[in-house]
Amino acid sequence: MTYEPKPGEKLPVEDFKSIVMQTPLVSIDLIVRHGDGRVWLGRRTNQPAKGTFFVPGGRITKNETRTAAFERITLAELGVQIKLSEATFLGSYDHIYKENWFEDRAFGTHYVVLAYELAWRQSDDPAATKQHTESGWKTENEILDSGEVHENTKAYFRVS
């Protein structure tokens, strides 16, 4: 790479691959709660965690503030831009996978995840994305009892 990317800009594939191989990524996960307490999940189409149900989320990019990233990610993942000030910070989590987006068996992926909970105040469900083959609302018990929900998502609902 011979330039510094702009906030929110995707990197060239080879540059991104090198970063995933060598460093942790910082991301935001969204625990989106319906008024009745259920949580929005989608079945992932990409590695890592491909084929499992997961909360929506995305990476923070170079030179992008958490506030700007949160608004970009909510718009991309939910179809509605939501302000960071409307969410509650739940904590940081390490998500370490043997897999990566490239499906290259030579290396895994490490995310440092900032988890935020927010109330869904829209009349319609969140917008479907190409990141998920199916999406829907699940109760915490359904999340914890399902073999199809990824363990990293279940961690948000386990009492420690």
C-alpha atoms as a PDB file:
ATOM      1  CA  MET A   1       0.000   0.000   0.000  1.00  0.00           C
ATOM      2  CA  THR A   2       1.393   3.370  -0.934  1.00  0.00           C
ATOM      3  CA  TYR A   3      -1.326   5.552   0.591  1.00  0.00           C
ATOM      4  CA  GLU A   4      -3.175   5.927   3.852  1.00  0.00           C
ATOM      5  CA  PRO A   5      -6.817   4.819   3.567  1.00  0.00           C
ATOM      6  CA  LYS A   6      -9.688   7.147   4.311  1.00  0.00           C
ATOM      7  CA  PRO A   7     -12.009   6.380   7.241  1.00  0.00           C
ATOM      8  CA  GLY A   8     -14.468   3.613   6.276  1.00  0.00           C
ATOM      9  CA  GLU A   9     -12.516   2.723   3.120  1.00  0.00           C
ATOM     10  CA  LYS A  10     -11.983  -0.940   2.262  1.00  0.00           C
ATOM     11  CA  LEU A  11      -8.393  -2.004   1.751  1.00  0.00           C
ATOM     12  CA  PRO A  12      -7.015  -3.784  -1.298  1.00  0.00           C
ATOM     13  CA  VAL A  13      -7.432  -7.543  -0.748  1.00  0.00           C
ATOM     14  CA  GLU A  14      -3.716  -8.356  -0.475  1.00  0.00           C
ATOM     15  CA  ASP A  15      -3.145  -5.536   2.025  1.00  0.00           C
ATOM     16  CA  PHE A  16      -6.095  -6.704   4.123  1.00  0.00           C
ATOM     17  CA  LYS A  17      -4.872 -10.311   3.979  1.00  0.00           C
ATOM     18  CA  SER A  18      -1.469  -9.266   5.304  1.00  0.00           C
ATOM     19  CA  ILE A  19      -3.108  -7.352   8.151  1.00  0.00           C
ATOM     20  CA  VAL A  20      -5.343 -10.291   9.123  1.00  0.00           C
ATOM     21  CA  MET A  21      -2.295 -12.592   9.157  1.00  0.00           C
ATOM     22  CA  GLN A  22      -0.234 -10.285  11.353  1.00  0.00           C
ATOM     23  CA  THR A  23      -2.417  -8.192  13.637  1.00  0.00           C
ATOM     24  CA  PRO A  24      -5.683  -8.172  15.565  1.00  0.00           C
ATOM     25  CA  LEU A  25      -8.633  -6.371  14.012  1.00  0.00           C
ATOM     26  CA  VAL A  26     -10.839  -4.032  16.040  1.00  0.00           C
ATOM     27  CA  SER A  27     -14.558  -4.448  15.510  1.00  0.00           C
ATOM     28  CA  ILE A  28     -17.958  -3.526  16.876  1.00  0.00           C
ATOM     29  CA  ASP A  29     -20.652  -6.116  17.602  1.00  0.00           C
ATOM     30  CA  LEU A  30     -24.272  -5.027  17.924  1.00  0.00           C
ATOM     31  CA  ILE A  31     -26.574  -6.707  20.403  1.00  0.00           C
ATOM     32  CA  VAL A  32     -29.860  -5.426  18.967  1.00  0.00           C
ATOM     33  CA  ARG A  33     -32.816  -5.905  21.307  1.00  0.00           C
ATOM     34  CA  HIS A  34     -36.457  -5.926  20.291  1.00  0.00           C
ATOM     35  CA  GLY A  35     -38.909  -4.377  22.754  1.00  0.00           C
ATOM     36  CA  ASP A  36     -39.829  -7.863  23.957  1.00  0.00           C
ATOM     37  CA  GLY A  37     -36.191  -8.701  24.771  1.00  0.00           C
ATOM     38  CA  ARG A  38     -35.406 -10.888  21.747  1.00  0.00           C
ATOM     39  CA  VAL A  39     -32.080 -10.345  19.937  1.00  0.00           C
ATOM     40  CA  TRP A  40     -31.447  -9.993  16.180  1.00  0.00           C
ATOM     41  CA  LEU A  41     -29.090 -12.631  14.703  1.00  0.00           C
ATOM     42  CA  GLY A  42     -28.035 -13.589  11.203  1.00  0.00           C
ATOM     43  CA  ARG A  43     -26.480 -16.758   9.749  1.00  0.00           C
ATOM     44  CA  ARG A  44     -23.048 -15.757   8.431  1.00  0.00           C
ATOM     45  CA  THR A  45     -22.161 -16.302   4.775  1.00  0.00           C
ATOM     46  CA  ASN A  46     -18.422 -15.655   5.234  1.00  0.00           C
ATOM     47  CA  GLN A  47     -15.615 -16.966   7.401  1.00  0.00           C
ATOM     48  CA  PRO A  48     -14.850 -16.713  10.192  1.00  0.00           C
ATOM     49  CA  ALA A  49     -17.910 -18.310  11.808  1.00  0.00           C
ATOM     50  CA  LYS A  50     -19.440 -19.122   8.416  1.00  0.00           C
ATOM     51  CA  GLY A  51     -22.789 -20.900   8.671  1.00  0.00           C
ATOM     52  CA  THR A  52     -23.435 -19.971  12.296  1.00  0.00           C
ATOM     53  CA  PHE A  53     -25.806 -17.406  13.751  1.00  0.00           C
ATOM     54  CA  PHE A  54     -24.060 -14.285  14.972  1.00  0.00           C
ATOM     55  CA  VAL A  55     -24.941 -10.756  16.043  1.00  0.00           C
ATOM     56  CA  PRO A  56     -24.424  -8.055  13.404  1.00  0.00           C
ATOM     57  CA  GLY A  57     -21.211  -6.071  13.430  1.00  0.00           C
ATOM     58  CA  GLY A  58     -18.206  -4.889  11.504  1.00  0.00           C
ATOM     59  CA  ARG A  59     -14.604  -3.692  11.598  1.00  0.00           C
ATOM     60  CA  ILE A  60     -13.405  -0.245  12.533  1.00  0.00           C
ATOM     61  CA  THR A  61     -11.189   1.090   9.753  1.00  0.00           C
ATOM     62  CA  LYS A  62      -7.986   3.122   9.873  1.00  0.00           C
ATOM     63  CA  ASN A  63      -8.581   6.759  10.918  1.00  0.00           C
ATOM     64  CA  GLU A  64     -12.243   6.035  11.690  1.00  0.00           C
ATOM     65  CA  THR A  65     -13.549   7.011  15.118  1.00  0.00           C
ATOM     66  CA  ARG A  66     -15.702   4.571  17.089  1.00  0.00           C
ATOM     67  CA  THR A  67     -18.591   7.012  16.694  1.00  0.00           C
ATOM     68  CA  ALA A  68     -18.268   7.139  12.910  1.00  0.00           C
ATOM     69  CA  ALA A  69     -17.714   3.379  12.686  1.00  0.00           C
ATOM     70  CA  PHE A  70     -20.785   2.673  14.824  1.00  0.00           C
ATOM     71  CA  GLU A  71     -22.990   4.812  12.551  1.00  0.00           C
ATOM     72  CA  ARG A  72     -21.528   3.240   9.388  1.00  0.00           C
ATOM     73  CA  ILE A  73     -21.878  -0.305  10.753  1.00  0.00           C
ATOM     74  CA  THR A  74     -25.471   0.170  11.968  1.00  0.00           C
ATOM     75  CA  LEU A  75     -26.463   1.545   8.571  1.00  0.00           C
ATOM     76  CA  ALA A  76     -24.725  -1.297   6.700  1.00  0.00           C
ATOM     77  CA  GLU A  77     -25.856  -4.105   9.030  1.00  0.00           C
ATOM     78  CA  LEU A  78     -29.318  -2.918  10.090  1.00  0.00           C
ATOM     79  CA  GLY A  79     -30.415  -0.521   7.339  1.00  0.00           C
ATOM     80  CA  VAL A  80     -30.760   2.351   9.826  1.00  0.00           C
ATOM     81  CA  GLN A  81     -28.039   4.693  11.031  1.00  0.00           C
ATOM     82  CA  ILE A  82     -27.985   4.776  14.827  1.00  0.00           C
ATOM     83  CA  LYS A  83     -25.834   7.015  16.991  1.00  0.00           C
ATOM     84  CA  LEU A  84     -23.309   5.531  19.400  1.00  0.00           C
ATOM     85  CA  SER A  85     -24.834   7.637  22.181  1.00  0.00           C
ATOM     86  CA  GLU A  86     -28.022   5.516  21.863  1.00  0.00           C
ATOM     87  CA  ALA A  87     -26.143   2.310  22.751  1.00  0.00           C
ATOM     88  CA  THR A  88     -24.775   0.828  25.959  1.00  0.00           C
ATOM     89  CA  PHE A  89     -21.192  -0.433  26.008  1.00  0.00           C
ATOM     90  CA  LEU A  90     -21.117  -4.034  27.305  1.00  0.00           C
ATOM     91  CA  GLY A  91     -17.369  -4.536  27.259  1.00  0.00           C
ATOM     92  CA  SER A  92     -14.529  -5.803  25.105  1.00  0.00           C
ATOM     93  CA  TYR A  93     -14.102  -9.402  23.971  1.00  0.00           C
ATOM     94  CA  ASP A  94     -11.411 -11.398  22.187  1.00  0.00           C
ATOM     95  CA  HIS A  95     -12.680 -13.444  19.252  1.00  0.00           C
ATOM     96  CA  ILE A  96      -9.933 -15.754  18.003  1.00  0.00           C
ATOM     97  CA  TYR A  97     -10.701 -18.020  15.063  1.00  0.00           C
ATOM     98  CA  LYS A  98      -8.763 -20.670  13.167  1.00  0.00           C
ATOM     99  CA  GLU A  99     -10.534 -19.418  10.017  1.00  0.00           C
ATOM    100  CA  ASN A 100     -10.328 -16.206   8.013  1.00  0.00           C
ATOM    101  CA  TRP A 101     -12.384 -14.396   5.380  1.00  0.00           C
ATOM    102  CA  PHE A 102     -10.008 -15.642   2.651  1.00  0.00           C
ATOM    103  CA  GLU A 103     -10.601 -19.303   3.603  1.00  0.00           C
ATOM    104  CA  ASP A 104      -6.821 -19.748   3.684  1.00  0.00           C
ATOM    105  CA  ARG A 105      -5.914 -22.535   6.141  1.00  0.00           C
ATOM    106  CA  ALA A 106      -2.477 -21.036   6.840  1.00  0.00           C
ATOM    107  CA  PHE A 107      -3.726 -18.456   9.377  1.00  0.00           C
ATOM    108  CA  GLY A 108      -6.639 -17.449  11.554  1.00  0.00           C
ATOM    109  CA  THR A 109      -8.294 -14.199  12.578  1.00  0.00           C
ATOM    110  CA  HIS A 110      -8.135 -12.291  15.847  1.00  0.00           C
ATOM    111  CA  TYR A 111     -10.715  -9.623  16.642  1.00  0.00           C
ATOM    112  CA  VAL A 112     -10.773  -7.317  19.634  1.00  0.00           C
ATOM    113  CA  VAL A 113     -14.513  -6.695  19.784  1.00  0.00           C
ATOM    114  CA  LEU A 114     -16.288  -3.741  21.357  1.00  0.00           C
ATOM    115  CA  ALA A 115     -19.793  -4.964  22.190  1.00  0.00           C
ATOM    116  CA  TYR A 116     -22.693  -2.513  22.292  1.00  0.00           C
ATOM    117  CA  GLU A 117     -26.333  -3.160  23.097  1.00  0.00           C
ATOM    118  CA  LEU A 118     -29.070  -1.071  21.550  1.00  0.00           C
ATOM    119  CA  ALA A 119     -32.850  -1.035  21.562  1.00  0.00           C
ATOM    120  CA  TRP A 120     -34.577  -1.589  18.202  1.00  0.00           C
ATOM    121  CA  ARG A 121     -37.139   1.206  17.926  1.00  0.00           C
ATOM    122  CA  GLN A 122     -38.134   0.702  14.284  1.00  0.00           C
ATOM    123  CA  SER A 123     -41.486  -0.770  13.235  1.00  0.00           C
ATOM    124  CA  ASP A 124     -39.841  -3.021  10.600  1.00  0.00           C
ATOM    125  CA  ASP A 125     -37.177  -5.641  11.233  1.00  0.00           C
ATOM    126  CA  PRO A 126     -33.556  -4.722  10.441  1.00  0.00           C
ATOM    127  CA  ALA A 127     -32.741  -4.840   6.728  1.00  0.00           C
ATOM    128  CA  ALA A 128     -31.390  -8.097   5.313  1.00  0.00           C
ATOM    129  CA  THR A 129     -27.763  -8.023   4.172  1.00  0.00           C
ATOM    130  CA  LYS A 130     -25.660 -10.181   1.888  1.00  0.00           C
ATOM    131  CA  GLN A 131     -23.563 -11.030   4.975  1.00  0.00           C
ATOM    132  CA  HIS A 132     -26.337 -13.375   6.158  1.00  0.00           C
ATOM    133  CA  THR A 133     -28.365 -16.123   4.479  1.00  0.00           C
ATOM    134  CA  GLU A 134     -31.155 -15.753   7.033  1.00  0.00           C
ATOM    135  CA  SER A 135     -31.877 -13.465   9.949  1.00  0.00           C
ATOM    136  CA  GLY A 136     -34.358 -13.256  12.769  1.00  0.00           C
ATOM    137  CA  TRP A 137     -35.166 -12.542  16.385  1.00  0.00           C
ATOM    138  CA  LYS A 138     -34.190 -15.089  19.059  1.00  0.00           C
ATOM    139  CA  THR A 139     -34.703 -15.175  22.805  1.00  0.00           C
ATOM    140  CA  GLU A 140     -31.664 -15.431  25.056  1.00  0.00           C
ATOM    141  CA  ASN A 141     -32.640 -19.022  25.904  1.00  0.00           C
ATOM    142  CA  GLU A 142     -32.878 -19.892  22.202  1.00  0.00           C
ATOM    143  CA  ILE A 143     -29.443 -18.354  21.667  1.00  0.00           C
ATOM    144  CA  LEU A 144     -27.849 -20.228  24.558  1.00  0.00           C
ATOM    145  CA  ASP A 145     -29.547 -23.557  23.726  1.00  0.00           C
ATOM    146  CA  SER A 146     -28.852 -23.556  19.973  1.00  0.00           C
ATOM    147  CA  GLY A 147     -25.973 -25.453  18.411  1.00  0.00           C
ATOM    148  CA  GLU A 148     -26.242 -23.104  15.433  1.00  0.00           C
ATOM    149  CA  VAL A 149     -25.372 -19.939  17.390  1.00  0.00           C
ATOM    150  CA  HIS A 150     -21.635 -19.273  17.572  1.00  0.00           C
ATOM    151  CA  GLU A 151     -19.998 -19.471  21.006  1.00  0.00           C
ATOM    152  CA  ASN A 152     -18.683 -15.902  20.656  1.00  0.00           C
ATOM    153  CA  THR A 153     -22.269 -14.675  20.372  1.00  0.00           C
ATOM    154  CA  LYS A 154     -23.411 -16.830  23.274  1.00  0.00           C
ATOM    155  CA  ALA A 155     -20.743 -15.170  25.450  1.00  0.00           C
ATOM    156  CA  TYR A 156     -22.732 -11.921  25.385  1.00  0.00           C
ATOM    157  CA  PHE A 157     -25.608 -13.665  27.184  1.00  0.00           C
ATOM    158  CA  ARG A 158     -23.774 -15.836  29.691  1.00  0.00           C
ATOM    159  CA  VAL A 159     -23.819 -14.639  33.271  1.00  0.00           C
ATOM    160  CA  SER A 160     -20.317 -14.780  34.686  1.00  0.00           C
END
